[in-house]
All heavy atoms as atom14 arrays in JSON, in Angstrom:
{
  "sequence": "VNSARGNKDFDNGGSAVANGGGSLTDSDSFEPRDAVKGDVARMIFYM",
  "atom14_mask": [
    [1, 1, 1, 1, 1, 1, 1, 0, 0, 0, 0, 0, 0, 0],
    [1, 1, 1, 1, 1, 1, 1, 1, 0, 0, 0, 0, 0, 0],
    [1, 1, 1, 1, 1, 1, 0, 0, 0, 0, 0, 0, 0, 0],
    [1, 1, 1, 1, 1, 0, 0, 0, 0, 0, 0, 0, 0, 0],
    [1, 1, 1, 1, 1, 1, 1, 1, 1, 1, 1, 0, 0, 0],
    [1, 1, 1, 1, 0, 0, 0, 0, 0, 0, 0, 0, 0, 0],
    [1, 1, 1, 1, 1, 1, 1, 1, 0, 0, 0, 0, 0, 0],
    [1, 1, 1, 1, 1, 1, 1, 1, 1, 0, 0, 0, 0, 0],
    [1, 1, 1, 1, 1, 1, 1, 1, 0, 0, 0, 0, 0, 0],
    [1, 1, 1, 1, 1, 1, 1, 1, 1, 1, 1, 0, 0, 0],
    [1, 1, 1, 1, 1, 1, 1, 1, 0, 0, 0, 0, 0, 0],
    [1, 1, 1, 1, 1, 1, 1, 1, 0, 0, 0, 0, 0, 0],
    [1, 1, 1, 1, 0, 0, 0, 0, 0, 0, 0, 0, 0, 0],
    [1, 1, 1, 1, 0, 0, 0, 0, 0, 0, 0, 0, 0, 0],
    [1, 1, 1, 1, 1, 1, 0, 0, 0, 0, 0, 0, 0, 0],
    [1, 1, 1, 1, 1, 0, 0, 0, 0, 0, 0, 0, 0, 0],
    [1, 1, 1, 1, 1, 1, 1, 0, 0, 0, 0, 0, 0, 0],
    [1, 1, 1, 1, 1, 0, 0, 0, 0, 0, 0, 0, 0, 0],
    [1, 1, 1, 1, 1, 1, 1, 1, 0, 0, 0, 0, 0, 0],
    [1, 1, 1, 1, 0, 0, 0, 0, 0, 0, 0, 0, 0, 0],
    [1, 1, 1, 1, 0, 0, 0, 0, 0, 0, 0, 0, 0, 0],
    [1, 1, 1, 1, 0, 0, 0, 0, 0, 0, 0, 0, 0, 0],
    [1, 1, 1, 1, 1, 1, 0, 0, 0, 0, 0, 0, 0, 0],
    [1, 1, 1, 1, 1, 1, 1, 1, 0, 0, 0, 0, 0, 0],
    [1, 1, 1, 1, 1, 1, 1, 0, 0, 0, 0, 0, 0, 0],
    [1, 1, 1, 1, 1, 1, 1, 1, 0, 0, 0, 0, 0, 0],
    [1, 1, 1, 1, 1, 1, 0, 0, 0, 0, 0, 0, 0, 0],
    [1, 1, 1, 1, 1, 1, 1, 1, 0, 0, 0, 0, 0, 0],
    [1, 1, 1, 1, 1, 1, 0, 0, 0, 0, 0, 0, 0, 0],
    [1, 1, 1, 1, 1, 1, 1, 1, 1, 1, 1, 0, 0, 0],
    [1, 1, 1, 1, 1, 1, 1, 1, 1, 0, 0, 0, 0, 0],
    [1, 1, 1, 1, 1, 1, 1, 0, 0, 0, 0, 0, 0, 0],
    [1, 1, 1, 1, 1, 1, 1, 1, 1, 1, 1, 0, 0, 0],
    [1, 1, 1, 1, 1, 1, 1, 1, 0, 0, 0, 0, 0, 0],
    [1, 1, 1, 1, 1, 0, 0, 0, 0, 0, 0, 0, 0, 0],
    [1, 1, 1, 1, 1, 1, 1, 0, 0, 0, 0, 0, 0, 0],
    [1, 1, 1, 1, 1, 1, 1, 1, 1, 0, 0, 0, 0, 0],
    [1, 1, 1, 1, 0, 0, 0, 0, 0, 0, 0, 0, 0, 0],
    [1, 1, 1, 1, 1, 1, 1, 1, 0, 0, 0, 0, 0, 0],
    [1, 1, 1, 1, 1, 1, 1, 0, 0, 0, 0, 0, 0, 0],
    [1, 1, 1, 1, 1, 0, 0, 0, 0, 0, 0, 0, 0, 0],
    [1, 1, 1, 1, 1, 1, 1, 1, 1, 1, 1, 0, 0, 0],
    [1, 1, 1, 1, 1, 1, 1, 1, 0, 0, 0, 0, 0, 0],
    [1, 1, 1, 1, 1, 1, 1, 1, 0, 0, 0, 0, 0, 0],
    [1, 1, 1, 1, 1, 1, 1, 1, 1, 1, 1, 0, 0, 0],
    [1, 1, 1, 1, 1, 1, 1, 1, 1, 1, 1, 1, 0, 0],
    [1, 1, 1, 1, 1, 1, 1, 1, 0, 0, 0, 0, 0, 0]
  ],
  "atom14_positions": [
    [[9.36, -4.55, 3.33], [8.15, -4.03, 2.71], [7.53, -2.96, 3.6], [7.03, -1.93, 3.12], [7.15, -5.17, 2.43], [5.85, -4.62, 1.85], [7.77, -6.19, 1.47], [0.0, 0.0, 0.0], [0.0, 0.0, 0.0], [0.0, 0.0, 0.0], [0.0, 0.0, 0.0], [0.0, 0.0, 0.0], [0.0, 0.0, 0.0], [0.0, 0.0, 0.0]],
    [[7.57, -3.18, 4.9], [7.08, -2.17, 5.85], [7.85, -0.87, 5.69], [7.28, 0.23, 5.71], [7.21, -2.71, 7.28], [6.45, -1.9, 8.31], [5.91, -0.85, 8.02], [6.41, -2.4, 9.53], [0.0, 0.0, 0.0], [0.0, 0.0, 0.0], [0.0, 0.0, 0.0], [0.0, 0.0, 0.0], [0.0, 0.0, 0.0], [0.0, 0.0, 0.0]],
    [[9.16, -0.99, 5.5], [9.99, 0.2, 5.31], [9.63, 0.92, 4.02], [9.61, 2.16, 3.96], [11.47, -0.2, 5.3], [12.3, 0.92, 5.07], [0.0, 0.0, 0.0], [0.0, 0.0, 0.0], [0.0, 0.0, 0.0], [0.0, 0.0, 0.0], [0.0, 0.0, 0.0], [0.0, 0.0, 0.0], [0.0, 0.0, 0.0], [0.0, 0.0, 0.0]],
    [[9.32, 0.16, 2.97], [8.93, 0.76, 1.69], [7.62, 1.53, 1.83], [7.43, 2.57, 1.2], [8.79, -0.32, 0.62], [0.0, 0.0, 0.0], [0.0, 0.0, 0.0], [0.0, 0.0, 0.0], [0.0, 0.0, 0.0], [0.0, 0.0, 0.0], [0.0, 0.0, 0.0], [0.0, 0.0, 0.0], [0.0, 0.0, 0.0], [0.0, 0.0, 0.0]],
    [[6.7, 1.01, 2.65], [5.46, 1.74, 2.89], [5.72, 2.99, 3.73], [5.18, 4.06, 3.46], [4.43, 0.82, 3.57], [3.02, 1.45, 3.65], [2.84, 2.23, 4.94], [1.76, 3.19, 4.9], [0.81, 3.27, 5.8], [0.76, 2.39, 6.78], [-0.08, 4.23, 5.75], [0.0, 0.0, 0.0], [0.0, 0.0, 0.0], [0.0, 0.0, 0.0]],
    [[6.54, 2.85, 4.77], [6.85, 3.98, 5.63], [5.59, 4.6, 6.2], [4.74, 3.89, 6.75], [0.0, 0.0, 0.0], [0.0, 0.0, 0.0], [0.0, 0.0, 0.0], [0.0, 0.0, 0.0], [0.0, 0.0, 0.0], [0.0, 0.0, 0.0], [0.0, 0.0, 0.0], [0.0, 0.0, 0.0], [0.0, 0.0, 0.0], [0.0, 0.0, 0.0]],
    [[5.43, 5.9, 6.05], [4.21, 6.58, 6.54], [3.4, 7.15, 5.38], [2.63, 8.09, 5.55], [4.56, 7.67, 7.54], [5.25, 8.86, 6.91], [5.74, 8.78, 5.78], [5.33, 9.97, 7.63], [0.0, 0.0, 0.0], [0.0, 0.0, 0.0], [0.0, 0.0, 0.0], [0.0, 0.0, 0.0], [0.0, 0.0, 0.0], [0.0, 0.0, 0.0]],
    [[3.56, 6.55, 4.2], [2.88, 7.06, 3.01], [1.37, 6.86, 3.11], [0.89, 5.89, 3.68], [3.41, 6.36, 1.76], [4.87, 6.66, 1.46], [5.37, 5.83, 0.29], [6.85, 6.09, 0.01], [7.36, 5.22, -1.07], [0.0, 0.0, 0.0], [0.0, 0.0, 0.0], [0.0, 0.0, 0.0], [0.0, 0.0, 0.0], [0.0, 0.0, 0.0]],
    [[0.64, 7.79, 2.5], [-0.79, 7.64, 2.36], [-1.09, 6.54, 1.34], [-0.19, 6.06, 0.62], [-1.41, 8.95, 1.88], [-1.27, 10.06, 2.9], [-0.23, 10.77, 2.9], [-2.18, 10.21, 3.72], [0.0, 0.0, 0.0], [0.0, 0.0, 0.0], [0.0, 0.0, 0.0], [0.0, 0.0, 0.0], [0.0, 0.0, 0.0], [0.0, 0.0, 0.0]],
    [[-2.34, 6.14, 1.26], [-2.75, 5.1, 0.32], [-3.37, 5.71, -0.93], [-4.22, 6.6, -0.85], [-3.74, 4.15, 1.0], [-3.14, 3.36, 2.13], [-3.43, 3.68, 3.45], [-2.26, 2.32, 1.88], [-2.86, 2.96, 4.5], [-1.68, 1.6, 2.92], [-1.99, 1.92, 4.23], [0.0, 0.0, 0.0], [0.0, 0.0, 0.0], [0.0, 0.0, 0.0]],
    [[-2.92, 5.2, -2.08], [-3.43, 5.66, -3.37], [-3.07, 4.61, -4.41], [-2.28, 3.69, -4.14], [-2.81, 7.02, -3.72], [-3.57, 7.76, -4.82], [-4.62, 7.25, -5.26], [-3.1, 8.84, -5.23], [0.0, 0.0, 0.0], [0.0, 0.0, 0.0], [0.0, 0.0, 0.0], [0.0, 0.0, 0.0], [0.0, 0.0, 0.0], [0.0, 0.0, 0.0]],
    [[-3.62, 4.75, -5.59], [-3.31, 3.84, -6.69], [-2.07, 4.28, -7.43], [-1.82, 5.48, -7.6], [-4.48, 3.78, -7.68], [-5.71, 3.12, -7.09], [-5.62, 2.07, -6.46], [-6.87, 3.74, -7.28], [0.0, 0.0, 0.0], [0.0, 0.0, 0.0], [0.0, 0.0, 0.0], [0.0, 0.0, 0.0], [0.0, 0.0, 0.0], [0.0, 0.0, 0.0]],
    [[-1.29, 3.3, -7.89], [-0.19, 3.58, -8.78], [1.18, 3.51, -8.15], [1.33, 3.43, -6.92], [0.0, 0.0, 0.0], [0.0, 0.0, 0.0], [0.0, 0.0, 0.0], [0.0, 0.0, 0.0], [0.0, 0.0, 0.0], [0.0, 0.0, 0.0], [0.0, 0.0, 0.0], [0.0, 0.0, 0.0], [0.0, 0.0, 0.0], [0.0, 0.0, 0.0]],
    [[2.2, 3.5, -9.02], [3.56, 3.43, -8.56], [4.29, 2.26, -9.18], [3.8, 1.6, -10.1], [0.0, 0.0, 0.0], [0.0, 0.0, 0.0], [0.0, 0.0, 0.0], [0.0, 0.0, 0.0], [0.0, 0.0, 0.0], [0.0, 0.0, 0.0], [0.0, 0.0, 0.0], [0.0, 0.0, 0.0], [0.0, 0.0, 0.0], [0.0, 0.0, 0.0]],
    [[5.47, 2.0, -8.67], [6.31, 0.9, -9.13], [6.23, -0.27, -8.17], [5.89, -0.09, -6.99], [7.77, 1.36, -9.24], [7.88, 2.46, -10.13], [0.0, 0.0, 0.0], [0.0, 0.0, 0.0], [0.0, 0.0, 0.0], [0.0, 0.0, 0.0], [0.0, 0.0, 0.0], [0.0, 0.0, 0.0], [0.0, 0.0, 0.0], [0.0, 0.0, 0.0]],
    [[6.55, -1.46, -8.66], [6.45, -2.66, -7.84], [7.38, -2.58, -6.63], [8.54, -2.15, -6.74], [6.78, -3.88, -8.67], [0.0, 0.0, 0.0], [0.0, 0.0, 0.0], [0.0, 0.0, 0.0], [0.0, 0.0, 0.0], [0.0, 0.0, 0.0], [0.0, 0.0, 0.0], [0.0, 0.0, 0.0], [0.0, 0.0, 0.0], [0.0, 0.0, 0.0]],
    [[6.87, -3.0, -5.49], [7.65, -3.08, -4.27], [8.35, -4.44, -4.24], [7.7, -5.48, -4.45], [6.76, -2.94, -3.02], [7.55, -3.15, -1.74], [6.07, -1.58, -3.01], [0.0, 0.0, 0.0], [0.0, 0.0, 0.0], [0.0, 0.0, 0.0], [0.0, 0.0, 0.0], [0.0, 0.0, 0.0], [0.0, 0.0, 0.0], [0.0, 0.0, 0.0]],
    [[9.65, -4.46, -4.02], [10.39, -5.71, -3.98], [9.81, -6.65, -2.92], [9.62, -6.24, -1.77], [11.86, -5.44, -3.68], [0.0, 0.0, 0.0], [0.0, 0.0, 0.0], [0.0, 0.0, 0.0], [0.0, 0.0, 0.0], [0.0, 0.0, 0.0], [0.0, 0.0, 0.0], [0.0, 0.0, 0.0], [0.0, 0.0, 0.0], [0.0, 0.0, 0.0]],
    [[9.46, -7.87, -3.34], [8.88, -8.88, -2.45], [7.58, -8.41, -1.81], [7.22, -8.86, -0.72], [9.88, -9.27, -1.36], [11.18, -9.82, -1.94], [11.16, -10.67, -2.82], [12.31, -9.31, -1.45], [0.0, 0.0, 0.0], [0.0, 0.0, 0.0], [0.0, 0.0, 0.0], [0.0, 0.0, 0.0], [0.0, 0.0, 0.0], [0.0, 0.0, 0.0]],
    [[6.87, -7.51, -2.51], [5.65, -6.91, -1.96], [4.38, -7.58, -2.4], [3.29, -7.05, -2.13], [0.0, 0.0, 0.0], [0.0, 0.0, 0.0], [0.0, 0.0, 0.0], [0.0, 0.0, 0.0], [0.0, 0.0, 0.0], [0.0, 0.0, 0.0], [0.0, 0.0, 0.0], [0.0, 0.0, 0.0], [0.0, 0.0, 0.0], [0.0, 0.0, 0.0]],
    [[4.46, -8.7, -3.09], [3.26, -9.45, -3.45], [2.35, -8.75, -4.44], [1.17, -9.07, -4.53], [0.0, 0.0, 0.0], [0.0, 0.0, 0.0], [0.0, 0.0, 0.0], [0.0, 0.0, 0.0], [0.0, 0.0, 0.0], [0.0, 0.0, 0.0], [0.0, 0.0, 0.0], [0.0, 0.0, 0.0], [0.0, 0.0, 0.0], [0.0, 0.0, 0.0]],
    [[2.89, -7.78, -5.17], [2.08, -7.01, -6.1], [1.78, -5.61, -5.62], [1.1, -4.84, -6.31], [0.0, 0.0, 0.0], [0.0, 0.0, 0.0], [0.0, 0.0, 0.0], [0.0, 0.0, 0.0], [0.0, 0.0, 0.0], [0.0, 0.0, 0.0], [0.0, 0.0, 0.0], [0.0, 0.0, 0.0], [0.0, 0.0, 0.0], [0.0, 0.0, 0.0]],
    [[2.26, -5.24, -4.43], [2.09, -3.88, -3.93], [2.91, -2.91, -4.77], [3.95, -3.28, -5.34], [2.51, -3.8, -2.46], [1.74, -4.66, -1.66], [0.0, 0.0, 0.0], [0.0, 0.0, 0.0], [0.0, 0.0, 0.0], [0.0, 0.0, 0.0], [0.0, 0.0, 0.0], [0.0, 0.0, 0.0], [0.0, 0.0, 0.0], [0.0, 0.0, 0.0]],
    [[2.43, -1.67, -4.84], [3.09, -0.62, -5.61], [3.35, 0.58, -4.7], [2.63, 0.8, -3.72], [2.21, -0.17, -6.78], [1.72, -1.24, -7.75], [0.74, -0.63, -8.76], [2.87, -1.91, -8.47], [0.0, 0.0, 0.0], [0.0, 0.0, 0.0], [0.0, 0.0, 0.0], [0.0, 0.0, 0.0], [0.0, 0.0, 0.0], [0.0, 0.0, 0.0]],
    [[4.36, 1.37, -5.07], [4.63, 2.6, -4.31], [5.26, 3.64, -5.2], [5.89, 3.33, -6.22], [5.53, 2.31, -3.09], [5.52, 3.44, -2.21], [6.96, 2.0, -3.52], [0.0, 0.0, 0.0], [0.0, 0.0, 0.0], [0.0, 0.0, 0.0], [0.0, 0.0, 0.0], [0.0, 0.0, 0.0], [0.0, 0.0, 0.0], [0.0, 0.0, 0.0]],
    [[5.05, 4.9, -4.83], [5.75, 6.02, -5.46], [6.21, 6.95, -4.35], [6.26, 6.57, -3.18], [4.88, 6.7, -6.52], [3.56, 7.22, -5.98], [3.45, 7.45, -4.76], [2.61, 7.39, -6.78], [0.0, 0.0, 0.0], [0.0, 0.0, 0.0], [0.0, 0.0, 0.0], [0.0, 0.0, 0.0], [0.0, 0.0, 0.0], [0.0, 0.0, 0.0]],
    [[6.51, 8.2, -4.7], [7.13, 9.09, -3.73], [6.2, 9.48, -2.58], [6.67, 9.86, -1.51], [7.62, 10.37, -4.42], [6.53, 11.07, -5.01], [0.0, 0.0, 0.0], [0.0, 0.0, 0.0], [0.0, 0.0, 0.0], [0.0, 0.0, 0.0], [0.0, 0.0, 0.0], [0.0, 0.0, 0.0], [0.0, 0.0, 0.0], [0.0, 0.0, 0.0]],
    [[4.89, 9.41, -2.79], [3.98, 9.9, -1.76], [2.82, 8.97, -1.44], [1.91, 9.35, -0.71], [3.44, 11.29, -2.12], [2.71, 11.32, -3.46], [2.33, 10.23, -3.97], [2.52, 12.42, -4.01], [0.0, 0.0, 0.0], [0.0, 0.0, 0.0], [0.0, 0.0, 0.0], [0.0, 0.0, 0.0], [0.0, 0.0, 0.0], [0.0, 0.0, 0.0]],
    [[2.82, 7.74, -1.99], [1.69, 6.85, -1.71], [2.09, 5.39, -1.82], [3.15, 5.04, -2.37], [0.52, 7.14, -2.65], [0.83, 6.75, -3.98], [0.0, 0.0, 0.0], [0.0, 0.0, 0.0], [0.0, 0.0, 0.0], [0.0, 0.0, 0.0], [0.0, 0.0, 0.0], [0.0, 0.0, 0.0], [0.0, 0.0, 0.0], [0.0, 0.0, 0.0]],
    [[1.2, 4.54, -1.32], [1.42, 3.1, -1.32], [0.11, 2.42, -1.72], [-0.97, 2.81, -1.23], [1.84, 2.64, 0.08], [2.29, 1.2, 0.17], [3.61, 0.86, -0.05], [1.38, 0.19, 0.48], [4.04, -0.46, 0.03], [1.8, -1.13, 0.57], [3.13, -1.46, 0.34], [0.0, 0.0, 0.0], [0.0, 0.0, 0.0], [0.0, 0.0, 0.0]],
    [[0.2, 1.43, -2.6], [-0.96, 0.66, -3.02], [-0.73, -0.8, -2.66], [0.15, -1.46, -3.21], [-1.18, 0.77, -4.53], [-2.34, -0.07, -5.03], [-2.51, -0.04, -6.54], [-1.88, 0.82, -7.2], [-3.27, -0.89, -7.07], [0.0, 0.0, 0.0], [0.0, 0.0, 0.0], [0.0, 0.0, 0.0], [0.0, 0.0, 0.0], [0.0, 0.0, 0.0]],
    [[-1.48, -1.36, -1.7], [-1.29, -2.76, -1.32], [-1.78, -3.7, -2.41], [-2.51, -3.31, -3.32], [-2.15, -2.89, -0.05], [-3.2, -1.85, -0.19], [-2.56, -0.71, -0.94], [0.0, 0.0, 0.0], [0.0, 0.0, 0.0], [0.0, 0.0, 0.0], [0.0, 0.0, 0.0], [0.0, 0.0, 0.0], [0.0, 0.0, 0.0], [0.0, 0.0, 0.0]],
    [[-1.38, -4.95, -2.31], [-1.82, -5.96, -3.27], [-3.35, -6.04, -3.27], [-4.02, -5.71, -2.28], [-1.22, -7.32, -2.91], [-1.59, -7.85, -1.54], [-0.75, -9.07, -1.16], [-1.03, -9.49, 0.21], [-1.81, -10.52, 0.54], [-2.37, -11.26, -0.41], [-2.02, -10.83, 1.8], [0.0, 0.0, 0.0], [0.0, 0.0, 0.0], [0.0, 0.0, 0.0]],
    [[-3.9, -6.5, -4.38], [-5.35, -6.49, -4.56], [-6.1, -7.22, -3.47], [-7.19, -6.8, -3.05], [-5.71, -7.1, -5.92], [-5.33, -6.21, -7.09], [-5.03, -5.02, -6.86], [-5.33, -6.71, -8.23], [0.0, 0.0, 0.0], [0.0, 0.0, 0.0], [0.0, 0.0, 0.0], [0.0, 0.0, 0.0], [0.0, 0.0, 0.0], [0.0, 0.0, 0.0]],
    [[-5.55, -8.34, -2.98], [-6.28, -9.2, -2.04], [-6.52, -8.57, -0.69], [-7.35, -9.06, 0.08], [-5.53, -10.53, -1.86], [0.0, 0.0, 0.0], [0.0, 0.0, 0.0], [0.0, 0.0, 0.0], [0.0, 0.0, 0.0], [0.0, 0.0, 0.0], [0.0, 0.0, 0.0], [0.0, 0.0, 0.0], [0.0, 0.0, 0.0], [0.0, 0.0, 0.0]],
    [[-5.8, -7.47, -0.37], [-5.98, -6.84, 0.94], [-6.32, -5.36, 0.84], [-6.3, -4.65, 1.84], [-4.75, -7.04, 1.84], [-4.55, -8.51, 2.18], [-3.49, -6.44, 1.23], [0.0, 0.0, 0.0], [0.0, 0.0, 0.0], [0.0, 0.0, 0.0], [0.0, 0.0, 0.0], [0.0, 0.0, 0.0], [0.0, 0.0, 0.0], [0.0, 0.0, 0.0]],
    [[-6.68, -4.9, -0.35], [-7.05, -3.49, -0.49], [-8.23, -3.14, 0.42], [-8.25, -2.11, 1.09], [-7.39, -3.17, -1.94], [-6.18, -2.95, -2.84], [-6.63, -2.54, -4.24], [-5.49, -1.98, -5.07], [-4.5, -3.0, -5.43], [0.0, 0.0, 0.0], [0.0, 0.0, 0.0], [0.0, 0.0, 0.0], [0.0, 0.0, 0.0], [0.0, 0.0, 0.0]],
    [[-9.25, -4.0, 0.43], [-10.4, -3.74, 1.29], [-10.06, -3.83, 2.75], [-10.58, -3.07, 3.57], [0.0, 0.0, 0.0], [0.0, 0.0, 0.0], [0.0, 0.0, 0.0], [0.0, 0.0, 0.0], [0.0, 0.0, 0.0], [0.0, 0.0, 0.0], [0.0, 0.0, 0.0], [0.0, 0.0, 0.0], [0.0, 0.0, 0.0], [0.0, 0.0, 0.0]],
    [[-9.18, -4.79, 3.12], [-8.74, -4.92, 4.5], [-8.13, -3.62, 4.99], [-8.43, -3.13, 6.08], [-7.7, -6.03, 4.64], [-8.13, -7.37, 4.08], [-8.59, -7.42, 2.92], [-7.98, -8.39, 4.79], [0.0, 0.0, 0.0], [0.0, 0.0, 0.0], [0.0, 0.0, 0.0], [0.0, 0.0, 0.0], [0.0, 0.0, 0.0], [0.0, 0.0, 0.0]],
    [[-7.24, -3.05, 4.16], [-6.57, -1.79, 4.51], [-7.61, -0.68, 4.68], [-7.59, 0.06, 5.67], [-5.53, -1.42, 3.43], [-5.09, 0.04, 3.58], [-4.33, -2.35, 3.52], [0.0, 0.0, 0.0], [0.0, 0.0, 0.0], [0.0, 0.0, 0.0], [0.0, 0.0, 0.0], [0.0, 0.0, 0.0], [0.0, 0.0, 0.0], [0.0, 0.0, 0.0]],
    [[-8.53, -0.58, 3.74], [-9.55, 0.47, 3.82], [-10.37, 0.35, 5.09], [-10.61, 1.34, 5.8], [-10.45, 0.4, 2.59], [0.0, 0.0, 0.0], [0.0, 0.0, 0.0], [0.0, 0.0, 0.0], [0.0, 0.0, 0.0], [0.0, 0.0, 0.0], [0.0, 0.0, 0.0], [0.0, 0.0, 0.0], [0.0, 0.0, 0.0], [0.0, 0.0, 0.0]],
    [[-10.8, -0.86, 5.41], [-11.67, -1.04, 6.59], [-10.91, -0.8, 7.89], [-11.51, -0.36, 8.88], [-12.32, -2.43, 6.53], [-13.4, -2.5, 5.46], [-14.05, -3.86, 5.39], [-13.22, -4.87, 4.74], [-13.17, -5.06, 3.42], [-13.89, -4.31, 2.6], [-12.41, -6.02, 2.91], [0.0, 0.0, 0.0], [0.0, 0.0, 0.0], [0.0, 0.0, 0.0]],
    [[-9.61, -1.05, 7.91], [-8.82, -0.7, 9.09], [-8.75, 0.81, 9.26], [-8.83, 1.33, 10.39], [-7.42, -1.31, 8.98], [-7.39, -2.81, 9.21], [-5.72, -3.5, 9.23], [-5.43, -3.75, 7.48], [0.0, 0.0, 0.0], [0.0, 0.0, 0.0], [0.0, 0.0, 0.0], [0.0, 0.0, 0.0], [0.0, 0.0, 0.0], [0.0, 0.0, 0.0]],
    [[-8.57, 1.52, 8.16], [-8.53, 2.99, 8.22], [-9.87, 3.54, 8.71], [-9.92, 4.43, 9.58], [-8.18, 3.57, 6.84], [-6.75, 3.19, 6.43], [-8.38, 5.08, 6.83], [-5.67, 3.69, 7.36], [0.0, 0.0, 0.0], [0.0, 0.0, 0.0], [0.0, 0.0, 0.0], [0.0, 0.0, 0.0], [0.0, 0.0, 0.0], [0.0, 0.0, 0.0]],
    [[-10.97, 3.01, 8.2], [-12.29, 3.5, 8.61], [-12.57, 3.17, 10.08], [-13.18, 3.98, 10.79], [-13.37, 2.95, 7.69], [-13.27, 3.46, 6.28], [-13.26, 2.58, 5.2], [-13.17, 4.82, 6.03], [-13.17, 3.06, 3.89], [-13.07, 5.3, 4.72], [-13.06, 4.42, 3.65], [0.0, 0.0, 0.0], [0.0, 0.0, 0.0], [0.0, 0.0, 0.0]],
    [[-12.12, 2.01, 10.54], [-12.25, 1.69, 11.96], [-11.54, 2.74, 12.81], [-12.09, 3.25, 13.8], [-11.67, 0.31, 12.27], [-11.38, 0.11, 13.74], [-12.38, -0.3, 14.62], [-10.11, 0.37, 14.27], [-12.13, -0.44, 15.98], [-9.85, 0.23, 15.62], [-10.85, -0.18, 16.47], [-10.59, -0.29, 17.82], [0.0, 0.0, 0.0], [0.0, 0.0, 0.0]],
    [[-10.29, 3.05, 12.46], [-9.51, 4.0, 13.26], [-10.19, 5.37, 13.3], [-10.19, 6.05, 14.33], [-8.1, 4.11, 12.69], [-7.26, 2.85, 12.86], [-6.86, 2.47, 14.58], [-5.56, 3.69, 14.87], [0.0, 0.0, 0.0], [0.0, 0.0, 0.0], [0.0, 0.0, 0.0], [0.0, 0.0, 0.0], [0.0, 0.0, 0.0], [0.0, 0.0, 0.0]]
  ]
}
């Protein structure tokens, strides 16, 4: 799943990531599962 995310930016949309718990990805972005969307955002804002 980490490899599927790679270095993509975060955005909504895409196809289901295998074993990704509901995460989605497309050619240029990654959308984490709903339960950690805020976690991801707050980590980005911290950095």
